[in-house]
Amino acid sequence: MDVEWMHGLYTVLAFVTFVVIAFWAWSARNRPGFDEAARLPLLDDEGAARSAVAAGEGKI
């Protein structure tokens, strides 16, 4: 096993990892959680953010 083979293997593993994370991030079942997380910074104050999380609206 030479160094070039190990570099190639590392490249393939990095690419596969990237593809898996991309599919996970864009899957439809994760969209509601990401939408809720995206709205959290737009809440007026910390009290509203805490109540949203407590109400289950801020789950990721």
N, C-alpha and C. Protein backbone atom coordinates (compact mmCIF):
# COMPACT_ATOMS: atom_id res chain seq x y z
N MET A 1 0.86 -1.17 0.00
CA MET A 1 0.00 0.00 0.00
C MET A 1 0.91 1.23 0.00
N ASP A 2 0.83 2.01 -1.06
CA ASP A 2 1.67 3.20 -1.13
C ASP A 2 0.86 4.45 -0.79
N VAL A 3 1.56 5.57 -0.72
CA VAL A 3 0.95 6.82 -0.27
C VAL A 3 -0.12 7.31 -1.24
N GLU A 4 0.09 7.15 -2.53
CA GLU A 4 -0.89 7.61 -3.51
C GLU A 4 -2.23 6.89 -3.34
N TRP A 5 -2.17 5.61 -3.03
CA TRP A 5 -3.39 4.84 -2.82
C TRP A 5 -4.15 5.36 -1.60
N MET A 6 -3.42 5.67 -0.53
CA MET A 6 -4.06 6.19 0.68
C MET A 6 -4.66 7.57 0.43
N HIS A 7 -4.00 8.41 -0.37
CA HIS A 7 -4.55 9.72 -0.71
C HIS A 7 -5.84 9.57 -1.51
N GLY A 8 -5.85 8.64 -2.43
CA GLY A 8 -7.06 8.38 -3.22
C GLY A 8 -8.20 7.89 -2.35
N LEU A 9 -7.89 7.00 -1.43
CA LEU A 9 -8.92 6.49 -0.52
C LEU A 9 -9.48 7.60 0.35
N TYR A 10 -8.60 8.47 0.85
CA TYR A 10 -9.05 9.60 1.66
C TYR A 10 -9.95 10.53 0.85
N THR A 11 -9.61 10.78 -0.40
CA THR A 11 -10.43 11.64 -1.26
C THR A 11 -11.82 11.04 -1.47
N VAL A 12 -11.87 9.75 -1.74
CA VAL A 12 -13.16 9.09 -1.95
C VAL A 12 -13.99 9.13 -0.67
N LEU A 13 -13.39 8.86 0.47
CA LEU A 13 -14.13 8.90 1.74
C LEU A 13 -14.63 10.30 2.05
N ALA A 14 -13.83 11.32 1.77
CA ALA A 14 -14.26 12.70 2.00
C ALA A 14 -15.44 13.05 1.09
N PHE A 15 -15.39 12.64 -0.15
CA PHE A 15 -16.48 12.91 -1.08
C PHE A 15 -17.77 12.20 -0.66
N VAL A 16 -17.66 10.94 -0.28
CA VAL A 16 -18.84 10.19 0.17
C VAL A 16 -19.44 10.83 1.41
N THR A 17 -18.60 11.27 2.34
CA THR A 17 -19.08 11.95 3.53
C THR A 17 -19.82 13.23 3.16
N PHE A 18 -19.29 14.00 2.24
CA PHE A 18 -19.94 15.22 1.78
C PHE A 18 -21.30 14.92 1.17
N VAL A 19 -21.38 13.92 0.34
CA VAL A 19 -22.65 13.57 -0.32
C VAL A 19 -23.69 13.13 0.71
N VAL A 20 -23.28 12.34 1.68
CA VAL A 20 -24.22 11.88 2.72
C VAL A 20 -24.75 13.06 3.52
N ILE A 21 -23.87 13.98 3.91
CA ILE A 21 -24.31 15.15 4.67
C ILE A 21 -25.23 16.03 3.83
N ALA A 22 -24.93 16.19 2.55
CA ALA A 22 -25.77 16.99 1.67
C ALA A 22 -27.17 16.37 1.54
N PHE A 23 -27.25 15.06 1.34
CA PHE A 23 -28.56 14.41 1.26
C PHE A 23 -29.33 14.55 2.58
N TRP A 24 -28.63 14.43 3.70
CA TRP A 24 -29.29 14.59 5.00
C TRP A 24 -29.83 16.00 5.16
N ALA A 25 -29.04 16.99 4.80
CA ALA A 25 -29.45 18.38 4.98
C ALA A 25 -30.62 18.75 4.07
N TRP A 26 -30.69 18.17 2.89
CA TRP A 26 -31.75 18.52 1.94
C TRP A 26 -32.94 17.57 1.98
N SER A 27 -32.94 16.61 2.89
CA SER A 27 -34.06 15.68 2.95
C SER A 27 -35.32 16.39 3.46
N ALA A 28 -36.44 15.98 2.97
CA ALA A 28 -37.70 16.65 3.29
C ALA A 28 -38.08 16.49 4.75
N ARG A 29 -37.67 15.42 5.39
CA ARG A 29 -38.09 15.22 6.78
C ARG A 29 -37.35 16.16 7.74
N ASN A 30 -36.22 16.74 7.32
CA ASN A 30 -35.49 17.69 8.16
C ASN A 30 -35.92 19.13 7.94
N ARG A 31 -36.68 19.40 6.90
CA ARG A 31 -37.04 20.76 6.55
C ARG A 31 -37.80 21.50 7.65
N PRO A 32 -38.80 20.91 8.30
CA PRO A 32 -39.51 21.66 9.35
C PRO A 32 -38.59 22.11 10.48
N GLY A 33 -37.69 21.28 10.90
CA GLY A 33 -36.77 21.65 11.97
C GLY A 33 -35.83 22.76 11.54
N PHE A 34 -35.34 22.70 10.31
CA PHE A 34 -34.46 23.76 9.82
C PHE A 34 -35.22 25.06 9.63
N ASP A 35 -36.48 25.00 9.19
CA ASP A 35 -37.29 26.21 9.04
C ASP A 35 -37.51 26.88 10.40
N GLU A 36 -37.79 26.08 11.41
CA GLU A 36 -37.98 26.64 12.75
C GLU A 36 -36.69 27.25 13.28
N ALA A 37 -35.60 26.58 13.06
CA ALA A 37 -34.31 27.11 13.52
C ALA A 37 -33.95 28.40 12.78
N ALA A 38 -34.34 28.51 11.53
CA ALA A 38 -34.05 29.71 10.76
C ALA A 38 -34.85 30.91 11.26
N ARG A 39 -36.03 30.67 11.83
CA ARG A 39 -36.85 31.77 12.35
C ARG A 39 -36.42 32.23 13.74
N LEU A 40 -35.67 31.46 14.47
CA LEU A 40 -35.29 31.82 15.84
C LEU A 40 -34.58 33.17 15.94
N PRO A 41 -33.63 33.52 15.07
CA PRO A 41 -32.97 34.82 15.21
C PRO A 41 -33.91 36.01 14.96
N LEU A 42 -35.04 35.77 14.32
CA LEU A 42 -35.95 36.85 13.99
C LEU A 42 -36.95 37.16 15.11
N LEU A 43 -36.94 36.37 16.17
CA LEU A 43 -37.83 36.63 17.28
C LEU A 43 -37.40 37.91 17.99
N ASP A 44 -38.36 38.62 18.60
CA ASP A 44 -38.11 39.94 19.16
C ASP A 44 -37.11 39.95 20.31
N ASP A 45 -37.28 39.09 21.26
CA ASP A 45 -36.39 39.12 22.42
C ASP A 45 -36.13 37.71 22.92
N GLU A 46 -35.30 37.62 23.96
CA GLU A 46 -34.95 36.31 24.49
C GLU A 46 -36.15 35.59 25.10
N GLY A 47 -37.07 36.33 25.68
CA GLY A 47 -38.26 35.71 26.26
C GLY A 47 -39.09 35.01 25.21
N ALA A 48 -39.22 35.64 24.05
CA ALA A 48 -39.97 35.01 22.96
C ALA A 48 -39.24 33.77 22.46
N ALA A 49 -37.92 33.84 22.42
CA ALA A 49 -37.15 32.68 21.96
C ALA A 49 -37.30 31.52 22.94
N ARG A 50 -37.24 31.83 24.23
CA ARG A 50 -37.40 30.76 25.23
C ARG A 50 -38.79 30.15 25.18
N SER A 51 -39.82 30.98 25.01
CA SER A 51 -41.17 30.44 24.96
C SER A 51 -41.40 29.62 23.70
N ALA A 52 -40.76 30.02 22.60
CA ALA A 52 -40.89 29.25 21.36
C ALA A 52 -40.23 27.89 21.52
N VAL A 53 -39.08 27.85 22.16
CA VAL A 53 -38.40 26.58 22.38
C VAL A 53 -39.21 25.72 23.34
N ALA A 54 -39.75 26.33 24.39
CA ALA A 54 -40.53 25.57 25.36
C ALA A 54 -41.80 25.02 24.73
N ALA A 55 -42.36 25.75 23.77
CA ALA A 55 -43.59 25.32 23.11
C ALA A 55 -43.31 24.27 22.04
N GLY A 56 -42.05 23.96 21.80
CA GLY A 56 -41.72 22.95 20.80
C GLY A 56 -41.54 23.52 19.42
N GLU A 57 -41.55 24.84 19.27
CA GLU A 57 -41.39 25.44 17.96
C GLU A 57 -39.94 25.61 17.58
N GLY A 58 -39.04 25.51 18.53
CA GLY A 58 -37.63 25.75 18.25
C GLY A 58 -36.79 24.50 18.24
N LYS A 59 -37.42 23.34 18.09
CA LYS A 59 -36.64 22.10 18.06
C LYS A 59 -35.91 21.98 16.73
N ILE A 60 -34.70 21.48 16.82
CA ILE A 60 -33.93 21.25 15.59
C ILE A 60 -33.92 19.78 15.30
